[in-house]
Each structure stands twice: as C-alpha cells, then as structure tokens.
C-alpha cells in the first residue's frame, strides 16, 4: 500500500521545485493549519493552563490536609475529600460543560481518589504506601478511564499499574528477580501500547496524541532494557531467557512496523536500547580491568550513538523531506 504523503511535506516538496517565495510558503502553511497560528497557540495554552489548574488544585487540597492534620477530626477529613469527589463526579455527569473540561475534572477526581485512599490509610494506619493502596486506586478509576477515553487519564492509569507491580514485587513477591519484574512491566506496557496507541487499532481512546504513544513506547523499551541489563549483571536466570526472547521478538516487530509506518521515534529508541544492552554485556564480560572497560564502553557508546543519530537524520530527510 502506498504511503500517503502529509500535506506539509507536499508543500515543502512543491516549494523546492517551484518559484514560490518563502513568505508565500509560510502563509500557505498557516492557511492550511499546518503551522500553528495565534488561535491555535491560544487554544494550546488554554488547555495547558486548565491541566495545570487541575493538578495544582489537587496538590493544594493535599497540602491543606497536611498542614491542618492535627487540628481536624478524622471524619471531617474524610467528609471533605468525599464531598469534593462526589461534587466533581456530579459535575462531569450532569453538566453540559465542554468535553475537555469534563475530562479534566474527571482527571482531578481520579487524583482525589488516590488522595482519599492515602487519607484513609494514614488515619487508620493501613499503610498508605503499600501495594494494595495503588491497586485499589487503579481499580477504582478503571471505569472512568475507559469511559472517558482521555489520554492523560490513561497515562495516570498506566503509571499506577506499573507502580502496583513494582510494589507487589517488593512487598509480597520478594523472590521475584529484577529481570522477571521488569519483564512483566515490559509486557504490560507493550500490551497497553498495542491496545491504545496504534493508529486505527483502538476503540478506547477518542484521540491518540503523539506524546501519549511515544510515552508508552518509551516506557516499554525502558522496562525491557532494565530487564535484560539486570539479568546480565546479576547472572542469568530462567526469567532472563524468557525476557530476552520476548524482547527480541518485540524489537523485530517494532522495527518492521516502524519502517512501514515511517515512525522515526521507534527507530531511535529500539537501537538505543540495544546499545545500552550491549554496553552492559561489555561491562560484565571485561570485569577486572576497570580502565580498559571504561575506555572500550565509552568508545562504543559514542560511536554507536553517533552512527544511530546520523542514520535517523537521513531517514527523516528521506521520509519527510527535512
């Protein structure tokens, strides 16, 4: 299937072989909404400020309780948070506000849910930092996340799932090795990426922002890298071999998909992960001669990253004309 060339790239290609002046090209790009104009920037700033407002509001509520902790009865603390949470949910369900505003309020309600769990844990000493706190928080916002299809809320849920797995491994499954823990995280993040971030493959998101898909991809690659490198350093076990096979298959699939879809970001993070893994292998292999290892690994990283960047730039110019 032939790749559809973006309108922005078509204009750049046309300008390269025509007598069109730079000012005319810029005006045409602005007219076609390829370059952001003043209203677009205002809309972006407006959304950013609303998001920051929600985050700072929840942070302010948390600091309010921290400052007045000794002076407030436990039922007052719980009632205030529950009242705010119910109010936020009622506004989302019953109001006719803009969809973005309601999603941001729902994001605030999701953060307040975590604050309520933490408050309950501190009052009754159930352990606010235990894995079941994050597990409960995750379970209670799953429905909101699925219904809203809001990328920041999905990102929050993804973070909570990762934290829950790590804390469970530390507090309950103490015999789990680092390669196993990060292999599980790699599988989880990869599954979320395939389910949520692949264009045209998801029904769970109303829109898939580029930053969201890149964040999920980076999280998956980070976990896979840690899994393989930790297995190399702390000796290989069964989980490491399973992780290695899964990572190898996933990386090959990612590279094939990246070339077909022309995603430069994926073609950067996967080879970068391989470079880090090879560097870890070199460090482990050449133990006993720190000076030589430092020189070899430094030379390898500098040269391989330089080659990677140059190849990525060439691909970007070939695919996008810039």
C-alpha atoms as a PDB file:
ATOM      1  CA  UNK A   1       0.000   0.000   0.000  1.00  0.00           C
ATOM      2  CA  UNK A   2       1.400   3.400  -0.985  1.00  0.00           C
ATOM      3  CA  UNK A   3       2.268   5.784   1.816  1.00  0.00           C
ATOM      4  CA  UNK A   4       0.195   8.948   1.962  1.00  0.00           C
ATOM      5  CA  UNK A   5       2.493  11.977   1.967  1.00  0.00           C
ATOM      6  CA  UNK A   6       1.458  14.589   4.570  1.00  0.00           C
ATOM      7  CA  UNK A   7       0.211  17.892   3.193  1.00  0.00           C
ATOM      8  CA  UNK A   8       3.026  19.755   4.908  1.00  0.00           C
ATOM      9  CA  UNK A   9       5.637  17.635   3.123  1.00  0.00           C
ATOM     10  CA  UNK A  10       3.876  18.068  -0.229  1.00  0.00           C
ATOM     11  CA  UNK A  11       4.076  21.831   0.163  1.00  0.00           C
ATOM     12  CA  UNK A  12       7.781  21.663   1.019  1.00  0.00           C
ATOM     13  CA  UNK A  13       8.459  19.423  -1.995  1.00  0.00           C
ATOM     14  CA  UNK A  14       6.460  21.737  -4.240  1.00  0.00           C
ATOM     15  CA  UNK A  15       8.335  24.807  -2.976  1.00  0.00           C
ATOM     16  CA  UNK A  16      11.684  23.146  -3.647  1.00  0.00           C
ATOM     17  CA  UNK A  17      10.958  22.802  -7.364  1.00  0.00           C
ATOM     18  CA  UNK A  18       8.913  25.942  -7.926  1.00  0.00           C
ATOM     19  CA  UNK A  19       9.430  29.681  -7.834  1.00  0.00           C
ATOM     20  CA  UNK A  20       7.255  30.067  -4.754  1.00  0.00           C
ATOM     21  CA  UNK A  21       8.776  32.529  -2.279  1.00  0.00           C
ATOM     22  CA  UNK A  22       9.382  31.597   1.387  1.00  0.00           C
ATOM     23  CA  UNK A  23       6.844  34.157   2.591  1.00  0.00           C
ATOM     24  CA  UNK A  24       4.202  32.629   0.340  1.00  0.00           C
ATOM     25  CA  UNK A  25       5.019  29.125   1.555  1.00  0.00           C
ATOM     26  CA  UNK A  26       4.730  30.213   5.182  1.00  0.00           C
ATOM     27  CA  UNK A  27       1.408  31.948   4.527  1.00  0.00           C
ATOM     28  CA  UNK A  28       0.075  28.890   2.712  1.00  0.00           C
ATOM     29  CA  UNK A  29       1.167  26.568   5.536  1.00  0.00           C
ATOM     30  CA  UNK A  30      -0.526  28.830   8.065  1.00  0.00           C
ATOM     31  CA  UNK A  31      -3.694  28.954   5.974  1.00  0.00           C
ATOM     32  CA  UNK A  32      -3.820  25.150   5.753  1.00  0.00           C
ATOM     33  CA  UNK A  33      -3.367  24.887   9.566  1.00  0.00           C
ATOM     34  CA  UNK A  34      -0.055  23.075   9.109  1.00  0.00           C
ATOM     35  CA  UNK A  35       1.752  25.731  11.130  1.00  0.00           C
ATOM     36  CA  UNK A  36       0.107  26.864  14.339  1.00  0.00           C
ATOM     37  CA  UNK A  37      -1.401  30.337  14.152  1.00  0.00           C
ATOM     38  CA  UNK A  38      -2.318  32.643  17.033  1.00  0.00           C
ATOM     39  CA  UNK A  39      -5.707  30.994  17.790  1.00  0.00           C
ATOM     40  CA  UNK A  40      -4.053  27.556  17.812  1.00  0.00           C
ATOM     41  CA  UNK A  41      -1.413  28.732  20.280  1.00  0.00           C
ATOM     42  CA  UNK A  42      -4.089  30.321  22.463  1.00  0.00           C
ATOM     43  CA  UNK A  43      -6.024  27.039  22.455  1.00  0.00           C
ATOM     44  CA  UNK A  44      -2.870  25.091  23.381  1.00  0.00           C
ATOM     45  CA  UNK A  45      -2.027  27.486  26.225  1.00  0.00           C
ATOM     46  CA  UNK A  46      -5.639  27.376  27.405  1.00  0.00           C
ATOM     47  CA  UNK A  47      -5.595  23.563  27.602  1.00  0.00           C
ATOM     48  CA  UNK A  48      -2.202  23.535  29.318  1.00  0.00           C
ATOM     49  CA  UNK A  49      -3.314  26.044  31.945  1.00  0.00           C
ATOM     50  CA  UNK A  50      -6.505  24.081  32.626  1.00  0.00           C
ATOM     51  CA  UNK A  51      -4.479  20.896  33.109  1.00  0.00           C
ATOM     52  CA  UNK A  52      -2.053  22.670  35.436  1.00  0.00           C
ATOM     53  CA  UNK A  53      -5.010  24.170  37.292  1.00  0.00           C
ATOM     54  CA  UNK A  54      -6.460  20.717  37.987  1.00  0.00           C
ATOM     55  CA  UNK A  55      -3.108  19.325  39.138  1.00  0.00           C
ATOM     56  CA  UNK A  56      -2.336  22.306  41.393  1.00  0.00           C
ATOM     57  CA  UNK A  57      -5.873  22.243  42.834  1.00  0.00           C
ATOM     58  CA  UNK A  58      -5.478  18.620  43.903  1.00  0.00           C
ATOM     59  CA  UNK A  59      -1.978  19.360  45.223  1.00  0.00           C
ATOM     60  CA  UNK A  60      -3.415  22.283  47.198  1.00  0.00           C
ATOM     61  CA  UNK A  61      -6.045  20.024  48.757  1.00  0.00           C
ATOM     62  CA  UNK A  62      -3.363  17.527  49.792  1.00  0.00           C
ATOM     63  CA  UNK A  63      -1.182  20.251  51.326  1.00  0.00           C
ATOM     64  CA  UNK A  64      -4.240  21.668  53.117  1.00  0.00           C
ATOM     65  CA  UNK A  65      -4.759  18.366  54.913  1.00  0.00           C
ATOM     66  CA  UNK A  66      -1.048  18.024  55.630  1.00  0.00           C
ATOM     67  CA  UNK A  67      -0.927  21.494  57.213  1.00  0.00           C
ATOM     68  CA  UNK A  68      -4.128  21.103  59.275  1.00  0.00           C
ATOM     69  CA  UNK A  69      -3.715  17.424  60.090  1.00  0.00           C
ATOM     70  CA  UNK A  70      -3.609  17.806  63.871  1.00  0.00           C
ATOM     71  CA  UNK A  71      -6.473  20.308  64.060  1.00  0.00           C
ATOM     72  CA  UNK A  72      -9.073  18.356  62.078  1.00  0.00           C
ATOM     73  CA  UNK A  73     -11.164  15.401  63.190  1.00  0.00           C
ATOM     74  CA  UNK A  74     -10.747  12.285  61.081  1.00  0.00           C
ATOM     75  CA  UNK A  75     -14.388  12.329  59.990  1.00  0.00           C
ATOM     76  CA  UNK A  76     -14.037  15.930  58.835  1.00  0.00           C
ATOM     77  CA  UNK A  77     -11.015  14.989  56.739  1.00  0.00           C
ATOM     78  CA  UNK A  78     -12.815  12.081  55.105  1.00  0.00           C
ATOM     79  CA  UNK A  79     -16.024  14.072  54.600  1.00  0.00           C
ATOM     80  CA  UNK A  80     -14.221  16.941  52.868  1.00  0.00           C
ATOM     81  CA  UNK A  81     -12.432  14.710  50.371  1.00  0.00           C
ATOM     82  CA  UNK A  82     -15.517  12.591  49.729  1.00  0.00           C
ATOM     83  CA  UNK A  83     -17.619  15.726  49.261  1.00  0.00           C
ATOM     84  CA  UNK A  84     -15.162  17.129  46.726  1.00  0.00           C
ATOM     85  CA  UNK A  85     -15.011  13.782  44.947  1.00  0.00           C
ATOM     86  CA  UNK A  86     -18.806  13.451  44.724  1.00  0.00           C
ATOM     87  CA  UNK A  87     -19.121  17.050  43.540  1.00  0.00           C
ATOM     88  CA  UNK A  88     -16.543  16.512  40.801  1.00  0.00           C
ATOM     89  CA  UNK A  89     -18.266  13.353  39.555  1.00  0.00           C
ATOM     90  CA  UNK A  90     -21.692  15.028  39.609  1.00  0.00           C
ATOM     91  CA  UNK A  91     -20.350  17.943  37.560  1.00  0.00           C
ATOM     92  CA  UNK A  92     -18.922  15.531  34.986  1.00  0.00           C
ATOM     93  CA  UNK A  93     -22.144  13.515  34.724  1.00  0.00           C
ATOM     94  CA  UNK A  94     -24.790  16.239  34.924  1.00  0.00           C
ATOM     95  CA  UNK A  95     -23.223  19.376  33.468  1.00  0.00           C
ATOM     96  CA  UNK A  96     -23.171  20.475  29.839  1.00  0.00           C
ATOM     97  CA  UNK A  97     -19.613  21.738  30.001  1.00  0.00           C
ATOM     98  CA  UNK A  98     -17.147  21.236  27.177  1.00  0.00           C
ATOM     99  CA  UNK A  99     -15.913  17.637  26.884  1.00  0.00           C
ATOM    100  CA  UNK A 100     -12.306  18.638  27.564  1.00  0.00           C
ATOM    101  CA  UNK A 101     -13.281  20.452  30.768  1.00  0.00           C
ATOM    102  CA  UNK A 102     -15.293  17.463  31.978  1.00  0.00           C
ATOM    103  CA  UNK A 103     -12.388  15.128  31.222  1.00  0.00           C
ATOM    104  CA  UNK A 104     -10.034  17.384  33.171  1.00  0.00           C
ATOM    105  CA  UNK A 105     -12.452  17.407  36.110  1.00  0.00           C
ATOM    106  CA  UNK A 106     -12.588  13.606  35.882  1.00  0.00           C
ATOM    107  CA  UNK A 107      -8.783  13.549  35.953  1.00  0.00           C
ATOM    108  CA  UNK A 108      -8.939  15.659  39.117  1.00  0.00           C
ATOM    109  CA  UNK A 109     -11.493  13.232  40.589  1.00  0.00           C
ATOM    110  CA  UNK A 110      -9.138  10.344  39.812  1.00  0.00           C
ATOM    111  CA  UNK A 111      -6.329  12.107  41.652  1.00  0.00           C
ATOM    112  CA  UNK A 112      -8.696  12.821  44.559  1.00  0.00           C
ATOM    113  CA  UNK A 113      -9.483   9.095  44.683  1.00  0.00           C
ATOM    114  CA  UNK A 114      -5.827   8.445  45.379  1.00  0.00           C
ATOM    115  CA  UNK A 115      -5.810  11.194  47.998  1.00  0.00           C
ATOM    116  CA  UNK A 116      -8.842   9.576  49.673  1.00  0.00           C
ATOM    117  CA  UNK A 117      -7.111   6.182  49.813  1.00  0.00           C
ATOM    118  CA  UNK A 118      -3.977   7.797  51.247  1.00  0.00           C
ATOM    119  CA  UNK A 119      -6.036   9.735  53.798  1.00  0.00           C
ATOM    120  CA  UNK A 120      -7.859   6.596  54.900  1.00  0.00           C
ATOM    121  CA  UNK A 121      -4.562   4.741  55.196  1.00  0.00           C
ATOM    122  CA  UNK A 122      -2.984   7.461  57.322  1.00  0.00           C
ATOM    123  CA  UNK A 123      -5.983   7.771  59.639  1.00  0.00           C
ATOM    124  CA  UNK A 124      -6.399   4.052  60.255  1.00  0.00           C
ATOM    125  CA  UNK A 125      -2.736   3.130  59.708  1.00  0.00           C
ATOM    126  CA  UNK A 126      -3.477   0.620  56.962  1.00  0.00           C
ATOM    127  CA  UNK A 127      -0.264   1.504  55.152  1.00  0.00           C
ATOM    128  CA  UNK A 128      -0.647   4.319  52.648  1.00  0.00           C
ATOM    129  CA  UNK A 129       2.498   3.239  50.818  1.00  0.00           C
ATOM    130  CA  UNK A 130       1.526  -0.435  50.441  1.00  0.00           C
ATOM    131  CA  UNK A 131       0.936  -2.005  47.038  1.00  0.00           C
ATOM    132  CA  UNK A 132      -2.765  -2.548  47.804  1.00  0.00           C
ATOM    133  CA  UNK A 133      -3.210   1.222  48.087  1.00  0.00           C
ATOM    134  CA  UNK A 134      -2.121   1.674  44.473  1.00  0.00           C
ATOM    135  CA  UNK A 135      -4.031  -1.455  43.440  1.00  0.00           C
ATOM    136  CA  UNK A 136      -7.240  -0.081  44.934  1.00  0.00           C
ATOM    137  CA  UNK A 137      -6.630   3.308  43.342  1.00  0.00           C
ATOM    138  CA  UNK A 138      -6.097   1.614  39.982  1.00  0.00           C
ATOM    139  CA  UNK A 139      -9.258  -0.488  40.218  1.00  0.00           C
ATOM    140  CA  UNK A 140     -11.448   2.437  41.237  1.00  0.00           C
ATOM    141  CA  UNK A 141     -10.500   4.631  38.269  1.00  0.00           C
ATOM    142  CA  UNK A 142     -10.508   1.946  35.546  1.00  0.00           C
ATOM    143  CA  UNK A 143     -14.155   2.535  34.624  1.00  0.00           C
ATOM    144  CA  UNK A 144     -13.713   6.318  34.437  1.00  0.00           C
ATOM    145  CA  UNK A 145     -10.637   5.887  32.268  1.00  0.00           C
ATOM    146  CA  UNK A 146     -12.308   3.524  29.808  1.00  0.00           C
ATOM    147  CA  UNK A 147     -15.476   5.621  29.546  1.00  0.00           C
ATOM    148  CA  UNK A 148     -13.672   8.947  29.109  1.00  0.00           C
ATOM    149  CA  UNK A 149     -11.138   7.803  26.501  1.00  0.00           C
ATOM    150  CA  UNK A 150      -8.919  10.644  27.771  1.00  0.00           C
ATOM    151  CA  UNK A 151      -5.191  10.173  27.117  1.00  0.00           C
ATOM    152  CA  UNK A 152      -3.877  11.865  30.332  1.00  0.00           C
ATOM    153  CA  UNK A 153      -6.206   9.665  32.389  1.00  0.00           C
ATOM    154  CA  UNK A 154      -4.921   6.568  30.578  1.00  0.00           C
ATOM    155  CA  UNK A 155      -1.381   7.744  31.309  1.00  0.00           C
ATOM    156  CA  UNK A 156      -2.248   8.032  35.020  1.00  0.00           C
ATOM    157  CA  UNK A 157      -3.729   4.526  34.981  1.00  0.00           C
ATOM    158  CA  UNK A 158      -0.626   3.168  33.230  1.00  0.00           C
ATOM    159  CA  UNK A 159       1.617   4.727  35.862  1.00  0.00           C
ATOM    160  CA  UNK A 160      -0.485   3.257  38.672  1.00  0.00           C
ATOM    161  CA  UNK A 161      -0.344  -0.217  37.122  1.00  0.00           C
ATOM    162  CA  UNK A 162       3.450  -0.011  36.891  1.00  0.00           C
ATOM    163  CA  UNK A 163       3.785   1.201  40.487  1.00  0.00           C
ATOM    164  CA  UNK A 164       1.448  -1.559  41.705  1.00  0.00           C
ATOM    165  CA  UNK A 165       3.536  -4.271  40.031  1.00  0.00           C
ATOM    166  CA  UNK A 166       6.813  -2.893  41.424  1.00  0.00           C
ATOM    167  CA  UNK A 167       5.452  -2.559  44.982  1.00  0.00           C
ATOM    168  CA  UNK A 168       3.883  -6.026  44.836  1.00  0.00           C
ATOM    169  CA  UNK A 169       7.248  -7.475  43.841  1.00  0.00           C
ATOM    170  CA  UNK A 170       8.961  -5.652  46.715  1.00  0.00           C
ATOM    171  CA  UNK A 171       6.406  -6.272  49.474  1.00  0.00           C
ATOM    172  CA  UNK A 172       4.793  -9.621  48.609  1.00  0.00           C
ATOM    173  CA  UNK A 173       6.789 -11.473  45.954  1.00  0.00           C
ATOM    174  CA  UNK A 174      10.231 -10.921  47.400  1.00  0.00           C
ATOM    175  CA  UNK A 175      11.675 -13.863  45.481  1.00  0.00           C
ATOM    176  CA  UNK A 176      10.940 -12.281  42.100  1.00  0.00           C
ATOM    177  CA  UNK A 177      14.140 -11.361  40.305  1.00  0.00           C
ATOM    178  CA  UNK A 178      14.671  -7.977  38.651  1.00  0.00           C
ATOM    179  CA  UNK A 179      14.549  -9.482  35.129  1.00  0.00           C
ATOM    180  CA  UNK A 180      11.159 -11.046  35.938  1.00  0.00           C
ATOM    181  CA  UNK A 181       9.671  -7.855  37.413  1.00  0.00           C
ATOM    182  CA  UNK A 182      10.732  -5.676  34.507  1.00  0.00           C
ATOM    183  CA  UNK A 183       9.770  -8.363  32.004  1.00  0.00           C
ATOM    184  CA  UNK A 184       6.236  -8.206  33.430  1.00  0.00           C
ATOM    185  CA  UNK A 185       6.290  -4.410  33.183  1.00  0.00           C
ATOM    186  CA  UNK A 186       7.550  -4.669  29.604  1.00  0.00           C
ATOM    187  CA  UNK A 187       4.677  -6.995  28.680  1.00  0.00           C
ATOM    188  CA  UNK A 188       2.133  -4.741  30.416  1.00  0.00           C
ATOM    189  CA  UNK A 189       3.350  -1.554  28.747  1.00  0.00           C
ATOM    190  CA  UNK A 190       3.642  -3.231  25.357  1.00  0.00           C
ATOM    191  CA  UNK A 191       0.093  -4.567  25.657  1.00  0.00           C
ATOM    192  CA  UNK A 192      -1.150  -1.095  26.573  1.00  0.00           C
ATOM    193  CA  UNK A 193       0.715   0.390  23.617  1.00  0.00           C
ATOM    194  CA  UNK A 194      -0.773  -2.120  21.180  1.00  0.00           C
ATOM    195  CA  UNK A 195      -4.252  -1.640  22.660  1.00  0.00           C
ATOM    196  CA  UNK A 196      -4.201   2.138  22.953  1.00  0.00           C
ATOM    197  CA  UNK A 197      -1.589   3.783  20.787  1.00  0.00           C
ATOM    198  CA  UNK A 198      -1.592   2.024  17.412  1.00  0.00           C
ATOM    199  CA  UNK A 199      -3.392   4.237  14.870  1.00  0.00           C
ATOM    200  CA  UNK A 200      -6.766   2.841  13.848  1.00  0.00           C
ATOM    201  CA  UNK A 201      -6.434  -0.085  16.269  1.00  0.00           C
ATOM    202  CA  UNK A 202      -8.064   1.336  19.399  1.00  0.00           C
ATOM    203  CA  UNK A 203     -11.612   1.955  20.465  1.00  0.00           C
ATOM    204  CA  UNK A 204     -10.560   3.015  23.961  1.00  0.00           C
ATOM    205  CA  UNK A 205      -9.254   6.480  23.073  1.00  0.00           C
ATOM    206  CA  UNK A 206     -11.167   9.232  21.322  1.00  0.00           C
ATOM    207  CA  UNK A 207      -7.824  10.590  20.116  1.00  0.00           C
ATOM    208  CA  UNK A 208      -4.287   9.184  20.265  1.00  0.00           C
ATOM    209  CA  UNK A 209      -1.853  12.072  20.835  1.00  0.00           C
ATOM    210  CA  UNK A 210       1.671  11.558  19.574  1.00  0.00           C
ATOM    211  CA  UNK A 211       3.139  12.282  23.019  1.00  0.00           C
ATOM    212  CA  UNK A 212       0.975   9.528  24.513  1.00  0.00           C
ATOM    213  CA  UNK A 213       2.040   6.813  22.068  1.00  0.00           C
ATOM    214  CA  UNK A 214       5.695   7.866  22.378  1.00  0.00           C
ATOM    215  CA  UNK A 215       5.483   7.790  26.185  1.00  0.00           C
ATOM    216  CA  UNK A 216       4.058   4.262  26.195  1.00  0.00           C
ATOM    217  CA  UNK A 217       6.671   3.091  23.693  1.00  0.00           C
ATOM    218  CA  UNK A 218       9.475   4.649  25.747  1.00  0.00           C
ATOM    219  CA  UNK A 219       8.121   3.038  28.942  1.00  0.00           C
ATOM    220  CA  UNK A 220       8.022  -0.405  27.312  1.00  0.00           C
ATOM    221  CA  UNK A 221      11.549  -0.080  25.907  1.00  0.00           C
ATOM    222  CA  UNK A 222      12.889   1.230  29.228  1.00  0.00           C
ATOM    223  CA  UNK A 223      11.483  -1.771  31.106  1.00  0.00           C
ATOM    224  CA  UNK A 224      12.830  -4.225  28.532  1.00  0.00           C
ATOM    225  CA  UNK A 225      16.282  -2.637  28.721  1.00  0.00           C
ATOM    226  CA  UNK A 226      16.362  -2.808  32.524  1.00  0.00           C
ATOM    227  CA  UNK A 227      15.181  -6.432  32.432  1.00  0.00           C
ATOM    228  CA  UNK A 228      17.946  -7.553  30.066  1.00  0.00           C
ATOM    229  CA  UNK A 229      20.746  -5.486  31.628  1.00  0.00           C
ATOM    230  CA  UNK A 230      19.855  -6.524  35.195  1.00  0.00           C
ATOM    231  CA  UNK A 231      19.932 -10.167  34.109  1.00  0.00           C
ATOM    232  CA  UNK A 232      23.377  -9.696  32.586  1.00  0.00           C
ATOM    233  CA  UNK A 233      24.773  -8.048  35.706  1.00  0.00           C
ATOM    234  CA  UNK A 234      23.171 -10.322  38.323  1.00  0.00           C
ATOM    235  CA  UNK A 235      23.635 -13.561  36.362  1.00  0.00           C
ATOM    236  CA  UNK A 236      21.167 -15.156  34.014  1.00  0.00           C
ATOM    237  CA  UNK A 237      18.073 -16.996  35.241  1.00  0.00           C
ATOM    238  CA  UNK A 238      15.029 -18.538  33.568  1.00  0.00           C
ATOM    239  CA  UNK A 239      13.142 -15.239  33.634  1.00  0.00           C
ATOM    240  CA  UNK A 240      16.023 -13.554  31.799  1.00  0.00           C
ATOM    241  CA  UNK A 241      15.874 -16.019  28.902  1.00  0.00           C
ATOM    242  CA  UNK A 242      12.109 -15.582  28.632  1.00  0.00           C
ATOM    243  CA  UNK A 243      12.550 -11.822  28.726  1.00  0.00           C
ATOM    244  CA  UNK A 244      15.280 -11.974  26.081  1.00  0.00           C
ATOM    245  CA  UNK A 245      13.079 -13.940  23.668  1.00  0.00           C
ATOM    246  CA  UNK A 246      10.087 -11.633  24.206  1.00  0.00           C
ATOM    247  CA  UNK A 247      12.212  -8.508  23.806  1.00  0.00           C
ATOM    248  CA  UNK A 248      13.873  -9.864  20.656  1.00  0.00           C
ATOM    249  CA  UNK A 249      10.508 -10.637  19.040  1.00  0.00           C
ATOM    250  CA  UNK A 250       9.053  -7.295  20.115  1.00  0.00           C
ATOM    251  CA  UNK A 251      12.049  -5.318  18.820  1.00  0.00           C
ATOM    252  CA  UNK A 252      11.957  -7.053  15.428  1.00  0.00           C
ATOM    253  CA  UNK A 253       8.217  -6.383  15.165  1.00  0.00           C
ATOM    254  CA  UNK A 254       8.710  -2.762  16.223  1.00  0.00           C
ATOM    255  CA  UNK A 255      11.424  -2.178  13.615  1.00  0.00           C
ATOM    256  CA  UNK A 256       9.332  -3.717  10.825  1.00  0.00           C
ATOM    257  CA  UNK A 257       6.306  -1.669  11.882  1.00  0.00           C
ATOM    258  CA  UNK A 258       8.411   1.495  12.128  1.00  0.00           C
ATOM    259  CA  UNK A 259       9.734   1.146   8.587  1.00  0.00           C
ATOM    260  CA  UNK A 260       6.232   0.506   7.255  1.00  0.00           C
ATOM    261  CA  UNK A 261       4.624   3.372   9.158  1.00  0.00           C
ATOM    262  CA  UNK A 262       7.723   5.619   8.973  1.00  0.00           C
ATOM    263  CA  UNK A 263       7.924   6.273  12.706  1.00  0.00           C
ATOM    264  CA  UNK A 264      11.366   7.705  13.389  1.00  0.00           C
ATOM    265  CA  UNK A 265      10.899   7.730  17.168  1.00  0.00           C
ATOM    266  CA  UNK A 266      10.631   3.945  17.356  1.00  0.00           C
ATOM    267  CA  UNK A 267      13.650   3.544  15.092  1.00  0.00           C
ATOM    268  CA  UNK A 268      15.603   5.605  17.610  1.00  0.00           C
ATOM    269  CA  UNK A 269      14.583   4.109  20.960  1.00  0.00           C
ATOM    270  CA  UNK A 270      14.905   0.443  19.935  1.00  0.00           C
ATOM    271  CA  UNK A 271      18.524   0.705  18.660  1.00  0.00           C
ATOM    272  CA  UNK A 272      19.343   2.916  21.655  1.00  0.00           C
ATOM    273  CA  UNK A 273      18.101   0.143  23.936  1.00  0.00           C
ATOM    274  CA  UNK A 274      20.263  -2.371  22.053  1.00  0.00           C
ATOM    275  CA  UNK A 275      23.291  -0.098  22.507  1.00  0.00           C
ATOM    276  CA  UNK A 276      22.700   0.050  26.270  1.00  0.00           C
ATOM    277  CA  UNK A 277      22.269  -3.734  26.446  1.00  0.00           C
ATOM    278  CA  UNK A 278      25.494  -4.361  24.512  1.00  0.00           C
ATOM    279  CA  UNK A 279      27.316  -1.859  26.748  1.00  0.00           C
ATOM    280  CA  UNK A 280      26.075  -3.754  29.816  1.00  0.00           C
ATOM    281  CA  UNK A 281      27.305  -7.013  28.301  1.00  0.00           C
ATOM    282  CA  UNK A 282      30.741  -5.485  27.631  1.00  0.00           C
ATOM    283  CA  UNK A 283      30.987  -4.214  31.212  1.00  0.00           C
ATOM    284  CA  UNK A 284      30.059  -7.637  32.594  1.00  0.00           C
ATOM    285  CA  UNK A 285      32.413  -9.525  30.260  1.00  0.00           C
ATOM    286  CA  UNK A 286      35.503  -7.415  30.910  1.00  0.00           C
ATOM    287  CA  UNK A 287      35.387  -7.314  34.715  1.00  0.00           C
ATOM    288  CA  UNK A 288      38.733  -6.826  36.431  1.00  0.00           C
ATOM    289  CA  UNK A 289      40.192  -4.125  34.197  1.00  0.00           C
ATOM    290  CA  UNK A 290      38.184  -1.005  35.004  1.00  0.00           C
ATOM    291  CA  UNK A 291      40.300   1.400  32.943  1.00  0.00           C
ATOM    292  CA  UNK A 292      40.127  -0.700  29.786  1.00  0.00           C
ATOM    293  CA  UNK A 293      36.394  -1.347  30.245  1.00  0.00           C
ATOM    294  CA  UNK A 294      35.695   2.354  30.707  1.00  0.00           C
ATOM    295  CA  UNK A 295      37.604   3.200  27.527  1.00  0.00           C
ATOM    296  CA  UNK A 296      36.015   0.463  25.397  1.00  0.00           C
ATOM    297  CA  UNK A 297      32.459   1.107  26.582  1.00  0.00           C
ATOM    298  CA  UNK A 298      32.828   4.879  26.193  1.00  0.00           C
ATOM    299  CA  UNK A 299      34.187   4.479  22.666  1.00  0.00           C
ATOM    300  CA  UNK A 300      31.414   2.037  21.777  1.00  0.00           C
ATOM    301  CA  UNK A 301      28.615   4.257  23.113  1.00  0.00           C
ATOM    302  CA  UNK A 302      29.903   7.448  21.482  1.00  0.00           C
ATOM    303  CA  UNK A 303      30.494   5.831  18.088  1.00  0.00           C
ATOM    304  CA  UNK A 304      27.262   3.809  18.007  1.00  0.00           C
ATOM    305  CA  UNK A 305      25.067   6.713  19.133  1.00  0.00           C
ATOM    306  CA  UNK A 306      26.709   8.970  16.544  1.00  0.00           C
ATOM    307  CA  UNK A 307      26.021   6.439  13.782  1.00  0.00           C
ATOM    308  CA  UNK A 308      22.451   5.980  15.025  1.00  0.00           C
ATOM    309  CA  UNK A 309      21.723   9.713  15.009  1.00  0.00           C
ATOM    310  CA  UNK A 310      23.202  10.179  11.538  1.00  0.00           C
ATOM    311  CA  UNK A 311      21.096   7.327  10.148  1.00  0.00           C
ATOM    312  CA  UNK A 312      17.949   8.644  11.830  1.00  0.00           C
ATOM    313  CA  UNK A 313      18.553  12.081  10.303  1.00  0.00           C
ATOM    314  CA  UNK A 314      18.992  10.511   6.859  1.00  0.00           C
ATOM    315  CA  UNK A 315      15.760   8.556   7.234  1.00  0.00           C
ATOM    316  CA  UNK A 316      13.924  11.639   8.437  1.00  0.00           C
ATOM    317  CA  UNK A 317      15.097  13.611   5.398  1.00  0.00           C
ATOM    318  CA  UNK A 318      14.198  10.768   3.044  1.00  0.00           C
ATOM    319  CA  UNK A 319      10.742  10.241   4.541  1.00  0.00           C
ATOM    320  CA  UNK A 320       9.747  13.762   5.491  1.00  0.00           C
ATOM    321  CA  UNK A 321      11.859  15.887   3.172  1.00  0.00           C
ATOM    322  CA  UNK A 322      13.525  17.772   6.036  1.00  0.00           C
END
